[in-house]
């Protein structure tokens, strides 16, 4: 089978990125193209960098999901190890820049922070990249997640997203969370108990005001029951 022409590959990949959404089938399709054409990873990665410069902030998260899909799919079988060898150094070299472009300090970047933190934490657990850099990025994103959660909910105007886009993002996040929980049951045979615990910990939702209110209500109920 003839290999695809580099120019044609860039054209096709660029078009796929332009039509990329947060829906898992589209993410899987773009990831599969990148894995299949891993010999052209340099050209395709340049497309990704160009799109991150041009895309509005909220849709940039979809590009991070594609990169995560490439790394996850490439590491699942021996036949795709060549794809991992091609893509991993490119992502590693530009890791910090990628994360900051996808979840910038601007208020619009706050809408991408939570998912970006989950993905970086997952890479951290899998030890995919330099530990020090992943630790630094994870701490930075965790702080921003805490700041956003502790201040107020993100409005449509702040996020740069329309109301219907926000609802769509919520549904897509739920679907990803469901898939993440399903994947969590598949554990490597040589995984340590600590790594397994960290993997399950990532599936636990953040502690928020609603949890405090529930605890307070339970305490009040307990005190009333004891008074009788």
C-alpha atoms as a PDB file:
ATOM      1  CA  UNK A   1       0.000   0.000   0.000  1.00  0.00           C
ATOM      2  CA  UNK A   2       1.398   3.407  -1.034  1.00  0.00           C
ATOM      3  CA  UNK A   3       2.124   5.899   1.708  1.00  0.00           C
ATOM      4  CA  UNK A   4       0.146   9.117   1.719  1.00  0.00           C
ATOM      5  CA  UNK A   5       1.834  12.198   0.295  1.00  0.00           C
ATOM      6  CA  UNK A   6       3.025  14.591   3.074  1.00  0.00           C
ATOM      7  CA  UNK A   7       1.242  17.575   1.517  1.00  0.00           C
ATOM      8  CA  UNK A   8      -1.990  15.604   1.188  1.00  0.00           C
ATOM      9  CA  UNK A   9      -1.638  14.346   4.767  1.00  0.00           C
ATOM     10  CA  UNK A  10      -1.276  17.899   6.095  1.00  0.00           C
ATOM     11  CA  UNK A  11      -4.297  19.000   4.086  1.00  0.00           C
ATOM     12  CA  UNK A  12      -6.458  16.140   5.359  1.00  0.00           C
ATOM     13  CA  UNK A  13      -5.277  16.479   8.954  1.00  0.00           C
ATOM     14  CA  UNK A  14      -5.778  20.243   8.918  1.00  0.00           C
ATOM     15  CA  UNK A  15      -9.342  19.766   7.691  1.00  0.00           C
ATOM     16  CA  UNK A  16      -9.988  17.136  10.373  1.00  0.00           C
ATOM     17  CA  UNK A  17      -8.752  19.506  13.076  1.00  0.00           C
ATOM     18  CA  UNK A  18     -10.964  22.295  11.724  1.00  0.00           C
ATOM     19  CA  UNK A  19     -13.976  20.003  12.092  1.00  0.00           C
ATOM     20  CA  UNK A  20     -12.895  18.556  15.438  1.00  0.00           C
ATOM     21  CA  UNK A  21     -15.427  18.590  18.287  1.00  0.00           C
ATOM     22  CA  UNK A  22     -15.368  17.270  21.833  1.00  0.00           C
ATOM     23  CA  UNK A  23     -17.372  14.201  20.787  1.00  0.00           C
ATOM     24  CA  UNK A  24     -15.338  11.044  21.352  1.00  0.00           C
ATOM     25  CA  UNK A  25     -15.846   9.567  17.844  1.00  0.00           C
ATOM     26  CA  UNK A  26     -14.274  12.642  16.202  1.00  0.00           C
ATOM     27  CA  UNK A  27     -11.389  12.612  18.682  1.00  0.00           C
ATOM     28  CA  UNK A  28     -10.805   8.901  18.022  1.00  0.00           C
ATOM     29  CA  UNK A  29     -10.906   9.494  14.253  1.00  0.00           C
ATOM     30  CA  UNK A  30      -8.267  12.254  14.339  1.00  0.00           C
ATOM     31  CA  UNK A  31      -6.097  10.257  16.773  1.00  0.00           C
ATOM     32  CA  UNK A  32      -6.302   7.185  14.535  1.00  0.00           C
ATOM     33  CA  UNK A  33      -5.192   9.228  11.507  1.00  0.00           C
ATOM     34  CA  UNK A  34      -2.202  10.568  13.453  1.00  0.00           C
ATOM     35  CA  UNK A  35      -1.232   7.067  14.591  1.00  0.00           C
ATOM     36  CA  UNK A  36      -1.648   5.524  11.136  1.00  0.00           C
ATOM     37  CA  UNK A  37       0.514   8.238   9.558  1.00  0.00           C
ATOM     38  CA  UNK A  38       3.098   8.392  12.344  1.00  0.00           C
ATOM     39  CA  UNK A  39       5.935   8.629   9.809  1.00  0.00           C
ATOM     40  CA  UNK A  40       4.630  12.120   9.080  1.00  0.00           C
ATOM     41  CA  UNK A  41       4.315  13.038  12.759  1.00  0.00           C
ATOM     42  CA  UNK A  42       6.542  16.123  12.352  1.00  0.00           C
ATOM     43  CA  UNK A  43       4.289  17.552   9.646  1.00  0.00           C
ATOM     44  CA  UNK A  44       1.094  16.695  11.513  1.00  0.00           C
ATOM     45  CA  UNK A  45       2.414  18.150  14.767  1.00  0.00           C
ATOM     46  CA  UNK A  46       3.147  21.409  12.947  1.00  0.00           C
ATOM     47  CA  UNK A  47      -0.540  21.458  11.938  1.00  0.00           C
ATOM     48  CA  UNK A  48      -1.504  21.086  15.594  1.00  0.00           C
ATOM     49  CA  UNK A  49       0.751  23.960  16.623  1.00  0.00           C
ATOM     50  CA  UNK A  50      -0.693  26.183  13.887  1.00  0.00           C
ATOM     51  CA  UNK A  51      -4.270  25.374  14.908  1.00  0.00           C
ATOM     52  CA  UNK A  52      -3.568  26.153  18.564  1.00  0.00           C
ATOM     53  CA  UNK A  53      -2.447  29.622  17.505  1.00  0.00           C
ATOM     54  CA  UNK A  54      -5.623  30.205  15.480  1.00  0.00           C
ATOM     55  CA  UNK A  55      -8.363  28.415  17.433  1.00  0.00           C
ATOM     56  CA  UNK A  56     -10.449  30.235  20.063  1.00  0.00           C
ATOM     57  CA  UNK A  57      -9.470  29.070  23.553  1.00  0.00           C
ATOM     58  CA  UNK A  58     -12.365  26.672  24.431  1.00  0.00           C
ATOM     59  CA  UNK A  59     -11.971  24.377  21.352  1.00  0.00           C
ATOM     60  CA  UNK A  60      -8.243  24.031  22.013  1.00  0.00           C
ATOM     61  CA  UNK A  61      -9.116  21.450  24.666  1.00  0.00           C
ATOM     62  CA  UNK A  62     -10.184  19.093  21.872  1.00  0.00           C
ATOM     63  CA  UNK A  63      -6.616  19.177  20.530  1.00  0.00           C
ATOM     64  CA  UNK A  64      -5.301  18.089  23.939  1.00  0.00           C
ATOM     65  CA  UNK A  65      -7.818  15.243  23.902  1.00  0.00           C
ATOM     66  CA  UNK A  66      -6.471  14.173  20.503  1.00  0.00           C
ATOM     67  CA  UNK A  67      -2.897  14.139  21.836  1.00  0.00           C
ATOM     68  CA  UNK A  68      -4.073  12.107  24.824  1.00  0.00           C
ATOM     69  CA  UNK A  69      -5.823   9.731  22.438  1.00  0.00           C
ATOM     70  CA  UNK A  70      -2.644   9.309  20.398  1.00  0.00           C
ATOM     71  CA  UNK A  71      -0.593   8.476  23.492  1.00  0.00           C
ATOM     72  CA  UNK A  72      -3.233   6.145  24.939  1.00  0.00           C
ATOM     73  CA  UNK A  73      -3.903   4.224  21.720  1.00  0.00           C
ATOM     74  CA  UNK A  74      -0.230   4.011  20.780  1.00  0.00           C
ATOM     75  CA  UNK A  75       0.691   2.363  24.075  1.00  0.00           C
ATOM     76  CA  UNK A  76      -1.975  -0.339  23.972  1.00  0.00           C
ATOM     77  CA  UNK A  77      -0.355  -2.740  21.526  1.00  0.00           C
ATOM     78  CA  UNK A  78       3.062  -3.634  20.166  1.00  0.00           C
ATOM     79  CA  UNK A  79       1.990  -2.802  16.612  1.00  0.00           C
ATOM     80  CA  UNK A  80       1.466   0.857  17.517  1.00  0.00           C
ATOM     81  CA  UNK A  81       4.694   1.340  19.483  1.00  0.00           C
ATOM     82  CA  UNK A  82       6.285   2.983  16.439  1.00  0.00           C
ATOM     83  CA  UNK A  83       3.592   5.646  16.555  1.00  0.00           C
ATOM     84  CA  UNK A  84       4.350   6.284  20.220  1.00  0.00           C
ATOM     85  CA  UNK A  85       8.064   6.593  19.435  1.00  0.00           C
ATOM     86  CA  UNK A  86       7.262   9.180  16.762  1.00  0.00           C
ATOM     87  CA  UNK A  87       4.754  11.287  18.676  1.00  0.00           C
ATOM     88  CA  UNK A  88       6.011  11.181  22.254  1.00  0.00           C
ATOM     89  CA  UNK A  89       9.250  13.191  21.695  1.00  0.00           C
ATOM     90  CA  UNK A  90       7.347  15.892  19.788  1.00  0.00           C
ATOM     91  CA  UNK A  91       4.785  16.322  22.561  1.00  0.00           C
ATOM     92  CA  UNK A  92       7.473  16.125  25.258  1.00  0.00           C
ATOM     93  CA  UNK A  93       9.566  18.864  23.651  1.00  0.00           C
ATOM     94  CA  UNK A  94       6.607  21.281  23.543  1.00  0.00           C
ATOM     95  CA  UNK A  95       4.695  20.028  26.589  1.00  0.00           C
ATOM     96  CA  UNK A  96       4.668  23.164  28.726  1.00  0.00           C
ATOM     97  CA  UNK A  97       3.861  25.428  25.777  1.00  0.00           C
ATOM     98  CA  UNK A  98       0.997  23.148  24.695  1.00  0.00           C
ATOM     99  CA  UNK A  99      -0.600  23.131  28.140  1.00  0.00           C
ATOM    100  CA  UNK A 100      -0.320  26.910  28.519  1.00  0.00           C
ATOM    101  CA  UNK A 101      -1.856  27.488  25.084  1.00  0.00           C
ATOM    102  CA  UNK A 102      -4.742  25.128  25.808  1.00  0.00           C
ATOM    103  CA  UNK A 103      -5.411  26.466  29.311  1.00  0.00           C
ATOM    104  CA  UNK A 104      -3.984  30.019  29.323  1.00  0.00           C
ATOM    105  CA  UNK A 105      -4.186  32.325  32.319  1.00  0.00           C
ATOM    106  CA  UNK A 106      -6.963  34.358  30.640  1.00  0.00           C
ATOM    107  CA  UNK A 107     -10.455  33.867  32.087  1.00  0.00           C
ATOM    108  CA  UNK A 108     -11.510  31.999  28.938  1.00  0.00           C
ATOM    109  CA  UNK A 109      -8.816  29.431  29.732  1.00  0.00           C
ATOM    110  CA  UNK A 110     -10.568  28.510  32.979  1.00  0.00           C
ATOM    111  CA  UNK A 111     -13.113  26.448  31.051  1.00  0.00           C
ATOM    112  CA  UNK A 112     -10.295  24.101  29.970  1.00  0.00           C
ATOM    113  CA  UNK A 113      -8.414  23.898  33.270  1.00  0.00           C
ATOM    114  CA  UNK A 114     -10.240  20.978  34.907  1.00  0.00           C
ATOM    115  CA  UNK A 115      -9.965  18.606  31.936  1.00  0.00           C
ATOM    116  CA  UNK A 116      -6.379  19.700  31.264  1.00  0.00           C
ATOM    117  CA  UNK A 117      -5.489  18.887  34.873  1.00  0.00           C
ATOM    118  CA  UNK A 118      -7.084  15.435  34.607  1.00  0.00           C
ATOM    119  CA  UNK A 119      -5.135  14.652  31.441  1.00  0.00           C
ATOM    120  CA  UNK A 120      -1.812  15.914  32.811  1.00  0.00           C
ATOM    121  CA  UNK A 121      -2.397  13.958  36.043  1.00  0.00           C
ATOM    122  CA  UNK A 122      -3.035  10.850  33.966  1.00  0.00           C
ATOM    123  CA  UNK A 123       0.229  11.375  32.071  1.00  0.00           C
ATOM    124  CA  UNK A 124       1.912  11.936  35.418  1.00  0.00           C
ATOM    125  CA  UNK A 125       0.619   8.612  36.739  1.00  0.00           C
ATOM    126  CA  UNK A 126       1.723   6.795  33.580  1.00  0.00           C
ATOM    127  CA  UNK A 127       5.155   8.497  33.750  1.00  0.00           C
ATOM    128  CA  UNK A 128       4.937   9.430  30.076  1.00  0.00           C
ATOM    129  CA  UNK A 129       7.114  12.538  30.276  1.00  0.00           C
ATOM    130  CA  UNK A 130       9.707  14.221  32.473  1.00  0.00           C
ATOM    131  CA  UNK A 131       8.571  13.881  36.096  1.00  0.00           C
ATOM    132  CA  UNK A 132       9.681  17.352  37.198  1.00  0.00           C
ATOM    133  CA  UNK A 133       7.878  19.068  34.330  1.00  0.00           C
ATOM    134  CA  UNK A 134       4.691  17.055  34.828  1.00  0.00           C
ATOM    135  CA  UNK A 135       4.767  17.749  38.574  1.00  0.00           C
ATOM    136  CA  UNK A 136       5.142  21.478  37.909  1.00  0.00           C
ATOM    137  CA  UNK A 137       2.293  21.549  35.371  1.00  0.00           C
ATOM    138  CA  UNK A 138       0.047  19.447  37.599  1.00  0.00           C
ATOM    139  CA  UNK A 139       0.583  21.759  40.588  1.00  0.00           C
ATOM    140  CA  UNK A 140      -0.087  24.832  38.468  1.00  0.00           C
ATOM    141  CA  UNK A 141      -3.309  23.399  37.039  1.00  0.00           C
ATOM    142  CA  UNK A 142      -4.450  22.081  40.434  1.00  0.00           C
ATOM    143  CA  UNK A 143      -4.043  25.565  41.923  1.00  0.00           C
ATOM    144  CA  UNK A 144      -6.053  27.093  39.109  1.00  0.00           C
ATOM    145  CA  UNK A 145      -8.776  24.464  39.488  1.00  0.00           C
ATOM    146  CA  UNK A 146      -8.958  25.369  43.181  1.00  0.00           C
ATOM    147  CA  UNK A 147      -9.044  29.099  42.418  1.00  0.00           C
ATOM    148  CA  UNK A 148     -11.861  28.676  39.890  1.00  0.00           C
ATOM    149  CA  UNK A 149     -13.868  26.375  42.186  1.00  0.00           C
ATOM    150  CA  UNK A 150     -13.368  28.694  45.143  1.00  0.00           C
ATOM    151  CA  UNK A 151     -14.390  31.882  43.354  1.00  0.00           C
ATOM    152  CA  UNK A 152     -17.546  31.353  41.303  1.00  0.00           C
ATOM    153  CA  UNK A 153     -18.920  29.425  38.385  1.00  0.00           C
ATOM    154  CA  UNK A 154     -17.684  30.453  34.960  1.00  0.00           C
ATOM    155  CA  UNK A 155     -20.185  32.488  32.987  1.00  0.00           C
ATOM    156  CA  UNK A 156     -20.684  32.118  29.254  1.00  0.00           C
ATOM    157  CA  UNK A 157     -19.145  35.545  28.617  1.00  0.00           C
ATOM    158  CA  UNK A 158     -16.037  34.716  30.676  1.00  0.00           C
ATOM    159  CA  UNK A 159     -15.487  31.354  29.009  1.00  0.00           C
ATOM    160  CA  UNK A 160     -16.027  32.689  25.495  1.00  0.00           C
ATOM    161  CA  UNK A 161     -18.604  29.954  24.899  1.00  0.00           C
ATOM    162  CA  UNK A 162     -22.264  30.166  23.995  1.00  0.00           C
ATOM    163  CA  UNK A 163     -24.789  28.705  26.435  1.00  0.00           C
ATOM    164  CA  UNK A 164     -25.557  25.754  24.142  1.00  0.00           C
ATOM    165  CA  UNK A 165     -21.822  25.106  23.758  1.00  0.00           C
ATOM    166  CA  UNK A 166     -21.446  25.000  27.542  1.00  0.00           C
ATOM    167  CA  UNK A 167     -24.257  22.432  27.805  1.00  0.00           C
ATOM    168  CA  UNK A 168     -22.622  20.393  25.036  1.00  0.00           C
ATOM    169  CA  UNK A 169     -19.251  20.549  26.817  1.00  0.00           C
ATOM    170  CA  UNK A 170     -20.881  19.319  30.054  1.00  0.00           C
ATOM    171  CA  UNK A 171     -22.381  16.333  28.228  1.00  0.00           C
ATOM    172  CA  UNK A 172     -19.066  15.537  26.519  1.00  0.00           C
ATOM    173  CA  UNK A 173     -17.245  15.767  29.865  1.00  0.00           C
ATOM    174  CA  UNK A 174     -19.734  13.316  31.378  1.00  0.00           C
ATOM    175  CA  UNK A 175     -19.114  10.872  28.547  1.00  0.00           C
ATOM    176  CA  UNK A 176     -15.341  11.193  28.985  1.00  0.00           C
ATOM    177  CA  UNK A 177     -15.676  10.680  32.735  1.00  0.00           C
ATOM    178  CA  UNK A 178     -17.683   7.515  32.078  1.00  0.00           C
ATOM    179  CA  UNK A 179     -15.025   6.192  29.681  1.00  0.00           C
ATOM    180  CA  UNK A 180     -12.277   7.113  32.150  1.00  0.00           C
ATOM    181  CA  UNK A 181     -13.982   5.092  34.885  1.00  0.00           C
ATOM    182  CA  UNK A 182     -14.314   2.130  32.522  1.00  0.00           C
ATOM    183  CA  UNK A 183     -10.626   2.357  31.560  1.00  0.00           C
ATOM    184  CA  UNK A 184      -9.681   2.531  35.248  1.00  0.00           C
ATOM    185  CA  UNK A 185     -10.724  -1.103  35.652  1.00  0.00           C
ATOM    186  CA  UNK A 186      -8.070  -2.184  33.126  1.00  0.00           C
ATOM    187  CA  UNK A 187      -4.847  -2.294  35.154  1.00  0.00           C
ATOM    188  CA  UNK A 188      -1.343  -3.265  33.939  1.00  0.00           C
ATOM    189  CA  UNK A 189      -0.137  -6.588  35.352  1.00  0.00           C
ATOM    190  CA  UNK A 190       3.059  -5.059  36.807  1.00  0.00           C
ATOM    191  CA  UNK A 191       1.389  -1.959  38.299  1.00  0.00           C
ATOM    192  CA  UNK A 192       2.222  -1.158  41.921  1.00  0.00           C
ATOM    193  CA  UNK A 193      -0.555  -0.722  44.543  1.00  0.00           C
ATOM    194  CA  UNK A 194       0.418   2.963  44.874  1.00  0.00           C
ATOM    195  CA  UNK A 195      -0.035   3.599  41.143  1.00  0.00           C
ATOM    196  CA  UNK A 196      -3.372   1.784  41.215  1.00  0.00           C
ATOM    197  CA  UNK A 197      -4.524   3.935  44.145  1.00  0.00           C
ATOM    198  CA  UNK A 198      -3.486   7.098  42.259  1.00  0.00           C
ATOM    199  CA  UNK A 199      -5.450   5.938  39.232  1.00  0.00           C
ATOM    200  CA  UNK A 200      -8.621   5.436  41.262  1.00  0.00           C
ATOM    201  CA  UNK A 201      -8.031   8.729  43.090  1.00  0.00           C
ATOM    202  CA  UNK A 202      -8.233  10.548  39.739  1.00  0.00           C
ATOM    203  CA  UNK A 203     -11.814   9.276  39.330  1.00  0.00           C
ATOM    204  CA  UNK A 204     -12.937  10.935  42.583  1.00  0.00           C
ATOM    205  CA  UNK A 205     -14.670  14.273  42.119  1.00  0.00           C
ATOM    206  CA  UNK A 206     -13.318  17.413  43.803  1.00  0.00           C
ATOM    207  CA  UNK A 207     -14.591  18.318  47.279  1.00  0.00           C
ATOM    208  CA  UNK A 208     -16.887  21.344  46.951  1.00  0.00           C
ATOM    209  CA  UNK A 209     -19.451  23.507  48.789  1.00  0.00           C
ATOM    210  CA  UNK A 210     -22.224  20.998  48.161  1.00  0.00           C
ATOM    211  CA  UNK A 211     -20.225  18.351  50.039  1.00  0.00           C
ATOM    212  CA  UNK A 212     -19.806  20.697  53.022  1.00  0.00           C
ATOM    213  CA  UNK A 213     -23.548  21.382  53.045  1.00  0.00           C
ATOM    214  CA  UNK A 214     -24.302  17.655  52.960  1.00  0.00           C
ATOM    215  CA  UNK A 215     -21.924  17.003  55.870  1.00  0.00           C
ATOM    216  CA  UNK A 216     -23.478  19.873  57.830  1.00  0.00           C
ATOM    217  CA  UNK A 217     -26.983  18.506  57.233  1.00  0.00           C
ATOM    218  CA  UNK A 218     -25.897  15.015  58.318  1.00  0.00           C
ATOM    219  CA  UNK A 219     -24.342  16.447  61.498  1.00  0.00           C
ATOM    220  CA  UNK A 220     -27.536  18.326  62.333  1.00  0.00           C
ATOM    221  CA  UNK A 221     -29.582  15.160  61.816  1.00  0.00           C
ATOM    222  CA  UNK A 222     -27.160  13.215  64.022  1.00  0.00           C
ATOM    223  CA  UNK A 223     -27.339  15.825  66.806  1.00  0.00           C
ATOM    224  CA  UNK A 224     -31.154  15.820  66.689  1.00  0.00           C
ATOM    225  CA  UNK A 225     -31.255  12.018  66.914  1.00  0.00           C
ATOM    226  CA  UNK A 226     -28.892  12.049  69.909  1.00  0.00           C
ATOM    227  CA  UNK A 227     -31.025  14.629  71.732  1.00  0.00           C
ATOM    228  CA  UNK A 228     -34.024  12.265  71.914  1.00  0.00           C
END
